Amino acid sequence: MNPDAQSEVHNGTPVIQIRNLSTRFGAHVVHSDLNLEVRRAEIFALVGGSGSGKSTLLREMILLHRPDAGTIRILGAELASLDDDAVRELRRRWGVMFQHGGLFGSLNVRENVGLPLREHTLLGDALIDQIAAWKLELTGLAPETGIQYPAELSGGMLKRASLARALALDPELLFLDEPTAGLDPASAAGVDELVKKLRDLFGLTIVMITHDLDLLWQVADRVAVLGEGTVQGVGSMDELAQMDHPLIRQFFDGPRGRAARAQQQTQEQPWKQK
């Protein structure tokens, strides 16, 4: 991490503050008095079992769903109090990478990446195409990928193209929804490296939902485990691994959890390898 970004992490400047959040769908309680804080320039992950409210929380943070109670403050703005103009301005300051890419099939990749620039700026088409090409290069895609269509891309390429679009407006904050889901190990490892590189280069704050334990051990600064409507634990992976809460133990004690931790320990202590 560059020194400025590292300093911001240690200073703990909050980018996202969630207080007393409650969400219901009919009689079903999704969140109950949930509290959470994300610091500037950290990679923060949300994990939990099916139905724990991870995806709903992400939708609430990106203004696609309104909670029933509580407050969400992002980049200094309380979401519930924003008018339409303020919402548009705030959305320019973050980027979202959706789980399945979210790219428009009728547009080629370069057009998809340039779409936020066409919607939110007055830049000319030629400059937008240049910026889109640079964002694709930044995410590790070859120039010729720009003229391909989403249906022609592999899973790993689709993830990178979606990430390039999320970066189009030079955001301060990135939301990543299952960035490695469905990828082969080599492609997933490439995305791991890319996420960390982007934070280190630009001091981005990154919030991600993931089930990928390798990704969590490799790049996450802190992780929040959701369950039973609230946050069951939050901390580094090493800190969470020491907690005794049963929902957290389920996360670490399964075969995948043990394997991911063992791999991380091997990488941290290569001298132990024969």
Protein backbone atom coordinates (compact mmCIF):
# COMPACT_ATOMS: atom_id res chain seq x y z
CA MET A 1 0.00 0.00 0.00
CA ASN A 2 1.27 3.49 -0.73
CA PRO A 3 2.12 5.57 2.39
CA ASP A 4 -0.88 7.91 2.07
CA ALA A 5 -3.36 5.06 1.77
CA GLN A 6 -1.72 3.19 4.65
CA SER A 7 -1.91 6.30 6.83
CA GLU A 8 -5.61 6.68 6.08
CA VAL A 9 -6.27 3.07 7.12
CA HIS A 10 -4.47 3.55 10.43
CA ASN A 11 -6.26 6.87 11.04
CA GLY A 12 -9.58 5.01 10.71
CA THR A 13 -11.38 7.77 8.79
CA PRO A 14 -14.93 6.40 8.28
CA VAL A 15 -16.26 6.21 4.73
CA ILE A 16 -19.38 4.21 5.61
CA GLN A 17 -21.27 4.43 8.91
CA ILE A 18 -24.34 2.27 9.52
CA ARG A 19 -26.28 2.78 12.71
CA ASN A 20 -29.21 0.80 14.16
CA LEU A 21 -30.24 -0.55 10.77
CA SER A 22 -33.42 -2.61 10.56
CA THR A 23 -34.88 -4.24 7.47
CA ARG A 24 -37.97 -6.40 7.08
CA PHE A 25 -39.70 -8.14 4.21
CA GLY A 26 -43.16 -8.72 5.62
CA ALA A 27 -42.75 -10.73 8.80
CA HIS A 28 -39.20 -11.77 7.88
CA VAL A 29 -36.49 -9.82 9.71
CA VAL A 30 -33.34 -9.36 7.63
CA HIS A 31 -31.48 -6.81 9.75
CA SER A 32 -32.12 -5.97 13.38
CA ASP A 33 -30.29 -3.01 14.93
CA LEU A 34 -27.21 -3.61 12.74
CA ASN A 35 -24.16 -1.37 13.21
CA LEU A 36 -21.12 -1.24 10.96
CA GLU A 37 -18.27 1.10 10.00
CA VAL A 38 -15.88 1.00 7.03
CA ARG A 39 -12.66 2.98 7.17
CA ARG A 40 -11.05 4.91 4.37
CA ALA A 41 -8.70 2.98 2.06
CA GLU A 42 -9.40 -0.43 3.56
CA ILE A 43 -10.62 -3.60 1.87
CA PHE A 44 -13.67 -4.58 3.89
CA ALA A 45 -15.57 -7.83 3.32
CA LEU A 46 -19.09 -8.94 4.24
CA VAL A 47 -19.59 -12.67 4.76
CA GLY A 48 -22.32 -14.87 6.14
CA GLY A 49 -24.59 -17.74 5.28
CA SER A 50 -27.48 -17.71 2.85
CA GLY A 51 -30.17 -15.33 4.09
CA SER A 52 -27.82 -13.43 6.41
CA GLY A 53 -28.62 -10.13 4.69
CA LYS A 54 -25.36 -9.46 2.85
CA SER A 55 -26.92 -8.71 -0.54
CA THR A 56 -29.72 -6.67 1.00
CA LEU A 57 -27.18 -4.59 2.90
CA LEU A 58 -25.24 -3.96 -0.31
CA ARG A 59 -28.43 -2.89 -2.09
CA GLU A 60 -29.17 -0.49 0.75
CA MET A 61 -25.70 1.01 0.57
CA ILE A 62 -25.97 1.65 -3.18
CA LEU A 63 -29.47 3.14 -2.90
CA LEU A 64 -31.39 0.27 -4.50
CA HIS A 65 -33.37 -0.49 -1.35
CA ARG A 66 -34.45 1.62 1.61
CA PRO A 67 -34.19 0.11 5.11
CA ASP A 68 -37.11 0.31 7.52
CA ALA A 69 -35.14 2.05 10.25
CA GLY A 70 -31.68 3.31 11.08
CA THR A 71 -29.19 5.41 9.12
CA ILE A 72 -26.57 4.84 6.44
CA ARG A 73 -23.96 7.54 5.95
CA ILE A 74 -21.58 7.21 3.00
CA LEU A 75 -18.83 9.68 2.10
CA GLY A 76 -20.32 12.10 4.62
CA ALA A 77 -23.87 11.99 3.22
CA GLU A 78 -26.85 10.46 5.00
CA LEU A 79 -28.61 8.48 2.29
CA ALA A 80 -32.17 8.93 3.53
CA SER A 81 -31.91 12.73 3.34
CA LEU A 82 -30.65 13.04 -0.25
CA ASP A 83 -32.66 14.56 -3.06
CA ASP A 84 -32.36 13.29 -6.65
CA ASP A 85 -29.52 15.66 -7.56
CA ALA A 86 -27.53 14.68 -4.48
CA VAL A 87 -28.10 11.00 -5.23
CA ARG A 88 -26.73 11.42 -8.74
CA GLU A 89 -23.70 13.28 -7.43
CA LEU A 90 -22.99 10.66 -4.77
CA ARG A 91 -23.29 7.81 -7.27
CA ARG A 92 -20.53 9.42 -9.30
CA ARG A 93 -18.20 8.91 -6.35
CA TRP A 94 -18.61 5.14 -6.16
CA GLY A 95 -18.45 2.23 -8.57
CA VAL A 96 -20.28 -1.09 -8.42
CA MET A 97 -19.18 -4.45 -9.82
CA PHE A 98 -22.20 -6.75 -9.92
CA GLN A 99 -21.91 -10.50 -9.40
CA HIS A 100 -22.92 -11.43 -12.94
CA GLY A 101 -21.22 -8.48 -14.58
CA GLY A 102 -24.31 -6.36 -15.24
CA LEU A 103 -23.02 -5.41 -18.69
CA PHE A 104 -25.43 -4.62 -21.52
CA GLY A 105 -25.37 -7.39 -24.09
CA SER A 106 -26.21 -5.05 -26.97
CA LEU A 107 -23.10 -2.90 -26.34
CA ASN A 108 -19.52 -3.96 -26.86
CA VAL A 109 -17.15 -3.94 -23.91
CA ARG A 110 -15.66 -0.51 -24.66
CA GLU A 111 -19.14 0.99 -24.96
CA ASN A 112 -20.17 -0.63 -21.67
CA VAL A 113 -17.13 0.79 -19.87
CA GLY A 114 -17.70 4.24 -21.39
CA LEU A 115 -21.40 4.32 -20.50
CA PRO A 116 -21.01 6.01 -17.07
CA LEU A 117 -18.88 8.72 -18.72
CA ARG A 118 -21.56 9.35 -21.34
CA GLU A 119 -24.25 9.55 -18.64
CA HIS A 120 -22.40 11.73 -16.14
CA THR A 121 -19.95 13.88 -18.12
CA LEU A 122 -19.83 16.12 -21.19
CA LEU A 123 -16.74 14.45 -22.63
CA GLY A 124 -16.59 13.74 -26.34
CA ASP A 125 -16.88 10.24 -27.78
CA ALA A 126 -13.22 9.99 -28.80
CA LEU A 127 -11.98 10.88 -25.31
CA ILE A 128 -14.50 8.53 -23.70
CA ASP A 129 -13.23 5.70 -25.90
CA GLN A 130 -9.65 6.49 -24.86
CA ILE A 131 -10.55 6.48 -21.18
CA ALA A 132 -12.49 3.23 -21.57
CA ALA A 133 -9.49 1.61 -23.29
CA TRP A 134 -7.24 2.73 -20.42
CA LYS A 135 -9.62 1.31 -17.80
CA LEU A 136 -9.67 -2.00 -19.63
CA GLU A 137 -5.88 -2.03 -19.71
CA LEU A 138 -5.81 -1.17 -16.00
CA THR A 139 -7.86 -4.29 -15.24
CA GLY A 140 -5.56 -6.49 -17.32
CA LEU A 141 -7.62 -6.84 -20.51
CA ALA A 142 -6.09 -6.65 -23.99
CA PRO A 143 -7.07 -3.71 -26.25
CA GLU A 144 -8.97 -5.97 -28.65
CA THR A 145 -11.33 -6.95 -25.83
CA GLY A 146 -12.98 -3.56 -26.22
CA ILE A 147 -14.68 -4.52 -29.48
CA GLN A 148 -15.99 -7.82 -28.15
CA TYR A 149 -19.46 -8.27 -26.68
CA PRO A 150 -20.15 -9.58 -23.16
CA ALA A 151 -21.42 -12.92 -24.46
CA GLU A 152 -18.03 -13.50 -26.11
CA LEU A 153 -16.02 -13.15 -22.88
CA SER A 154 -14.85 -15.80 -20.47
CA GLY A 155 -15.95 -15.56 -16.85
CA GLY A 156 -12.69 -13.96 -15.74
CA MET A 157 -12.74 -11.45 -18.60
CA LEU A 158 -16.35 -10.55 -17.81
CA LYS A 159 -15.43 -9.84 -14.18
CA ARG A 160 -12.55 -7.61 -15.26
CA ALA A 161 -14.72 -5.75 -17.80
CA SER A 162 -17.34 -5.14 -15.13
CA LEU A 163 -14.62 -3.85 -12.82
CA ALA A 164 -13.33 -1.55 -15.58
CA ARG A 165 -16.80 -0.04 -15.88
CA ALA A 166 -16.98 0.40 -12.10
CA LEU A 167 -13.73 2.38 -12.34
CA ALA A 168 -14.85 4.58 -15.24
CA LEU A 169 -15.55 7.69 -13.15
CA ASP A 170 -12.45 7.37 -10.94
CA PRO A 171 -14.48 6.51 -7.82
CA GLU A 172 -13.38 6.87 -4.23
CA LEU A 173 -15.34 3.80 -3.19
CA LEU A 174 -15.83 0.41 -4.87
CA PHE A 175 -18.56 -2.13 -4.14
CA LEU A 176 -17.76 -5.65 -5.36
CA ASP A 177 -20.45 -8.35 -5.35
CA GLU A 178 -18.84 -11.82 -5.37
CA PRO A 179 -15.87 -10.73 -7.51
CA THR A 180 -14.46 -14.25 -7.91
CA ALA A 181 -17.67 -16.32 -7.99
CA GLY A 182 -17.68 -18.95 -10.71
CA LEU A 183 -14.03 -18.48 -11.68
CA ASP A 184 -11.36 -21.13 -12.00
CA PRO A 185 -8.55 -20.89 -9.41
CA ALA A 186 -6.12 -19.12 -11.73
CA SER A 187 -8.67 -16.50 -12.79
CA ALA A 188 -9.77 -16.00 -9.18
CA ALA A 189 -6.16 -15.47 -8.10
CA GLY A 190 -5.79 -12.84 -10.82
CA VAL A 191 -8.82 -10.96 -9.50
CA ASP A 192 -7.40 -11.19 -5.95
CA GLU A 193 -4.20 -9.50 -7.10
CA LEU A 194 -6.11 -6.88 -9.09
CA VAL A 195 -8.31 -5.86 -6.14
CA LYS A 196 -5.30 -5.34 -3.92
CA LYS A 197 -3.41 -3.51 -6.67
CA LEU A 198 -6.25 -1.04 -7.19
CA ARG A 199 -6.45 -0.23 -3.49
CA ASP A 200 -2.70 0.17 -3.23
CA LEU A 201 -2.41 2.34 -6.36
CA PHE A 202 -5.35 4.65 -5.78
CA GLY A 203 -6.15 4.44 -2.06
CA LEU A 204 -9.65 3.18 -2.86
CA THR A 205 -12.03 2.03 -0.19
CA ILE A 206 -13.34 -1.38 -1.26
CA VAL A 207 -16.39 -3.16 0.15
CA MET A 208 -17.01 -6.67 -1.11
CA ILE A 209 -19.38 -9.56 -0.58
CA THR A 210 -17.64 -12.88 -1.06
CA HIS A 211 -17.67 -16.56 -0.16
CA ASP A 212 -14.09 -16.93 -1.42
CA LEU A 213 -11.99 -17.76 1.63
CA ASP A 214 -8.73 -17.46 -0.30
CA LEU A 215 -9.70 -13.93 -1.35
CA LEU A 216 -10.50 -13.03 2.25
CA TRP A 217 -7.17 -14.28 3.57
CA GLN A 218 -5.22 -12.67 0.74
CA VAL A 219 -6.67 -9.16 0.52
CA ALA A 220 -9.21 -8.28 3.23
CA ASP A 221 -8.13 -5.85 5.95
CA ARG A 222 -11.26 -6.52 7.99
CA VAL A 223 -14.22 -8.86 7.65
CA ALA A 224 -17.73 -8.62 9.13
CA VAL A 225 -19.63 -11.87 9.70
CA LEU A 226 -23.39 -11.37 9.39
CA GLY A 227 -25.97 -13.67 10.94
CA GLU A 228 -29.25 -13.60 12.84
CA GLY A 229 -29.92 -10.09 11.58
CA THR A 230 -26.80 -8.39 12.85
CA VAL A 231 -22.99 -8.38 12.89
CA GLN A 232 -21.72 -11.40 14.82
CA GLY A 233 -18.08 -10.38 14.65
CA VAL A 234 -15.73 -8.02 12.85
CA GLY A 235 -11.97 -7.95 12.56
CA SER A 236 -9.05 -9.25 10.56
CA MET A 237 -9.17 -12.86 9.43
CA ASP A 238 -6.61 -13.72 12.12
CA GLU A 239 -8.78 -12.04 14.77
CA LEU A 240 -11.96 -13.76 13.59
CA ALA A 241 -10.20 -17.12 13.55
CA GLN A 242 -9.73 -16.78 17.34
CA MET A 243 -13.39 -15.95 18.13
CA ASP A 244 -15.62 -18.60 19.71
CA HIS A 245 -19.03 -17.52 18.37
CA PRO A 246 -20.68 -20.57 16.74
CA LEU A 247 -21.61 -18.75 13.51
CA ILE A 248 -18.02 -17.58 13.12
CA ARG A 249 -16.63 -21.01 13.96
CA GLN A 250 -18.80 -22.55 11.20
CA PHE A 251 -17.13 -20.19 8.77
CA PHE A 252 -13.58 -21.19 9.75
CA ASP A 253 -13.90 -24.82 10.84
CA GLY A 254 -15.25 -26.37 7.64
CA PRO A 255 -12.88 -28.09 5.17
CA ARG A 256 -12.68 -25.04 2.88
CA GLY A 257 -12.00 -22.73 5.81
CA ARG A 258 -9.20 -24.92 7.16
CA ALA A 259 -7.64 -25.33 3.72
CA ALA A 260 -7.67 -21.59 3.02
CA ARG A 261 -6.10 -20.80 6.39
CA ALA A 262 -3.42 -23.45 5.92
CA GLN A 263 -2.56 -22.04 2.51
CA GLN A 264 -2.26 -18.54 3.96
CA GLN A 265 0.03 -19.76 6.75
CA THR A 266 2.22 -21.54 4.21
CA GLN A 267 2.57 -18.36 2.15
CA GLU A 268 3.42 -16.32 5.23
CA GLN A 269 6.10 -18.84 6.34
CA PRO A 270 7.65 -20.25 3.16
CA TRP A 271 10.69 -21.42 5.09
CA LYS A 272 8.55 -24.22 6.52
CA GLN A 273 8.07 -25.74 3.09
CA LYS A 274 10.31 -28.66 2.27
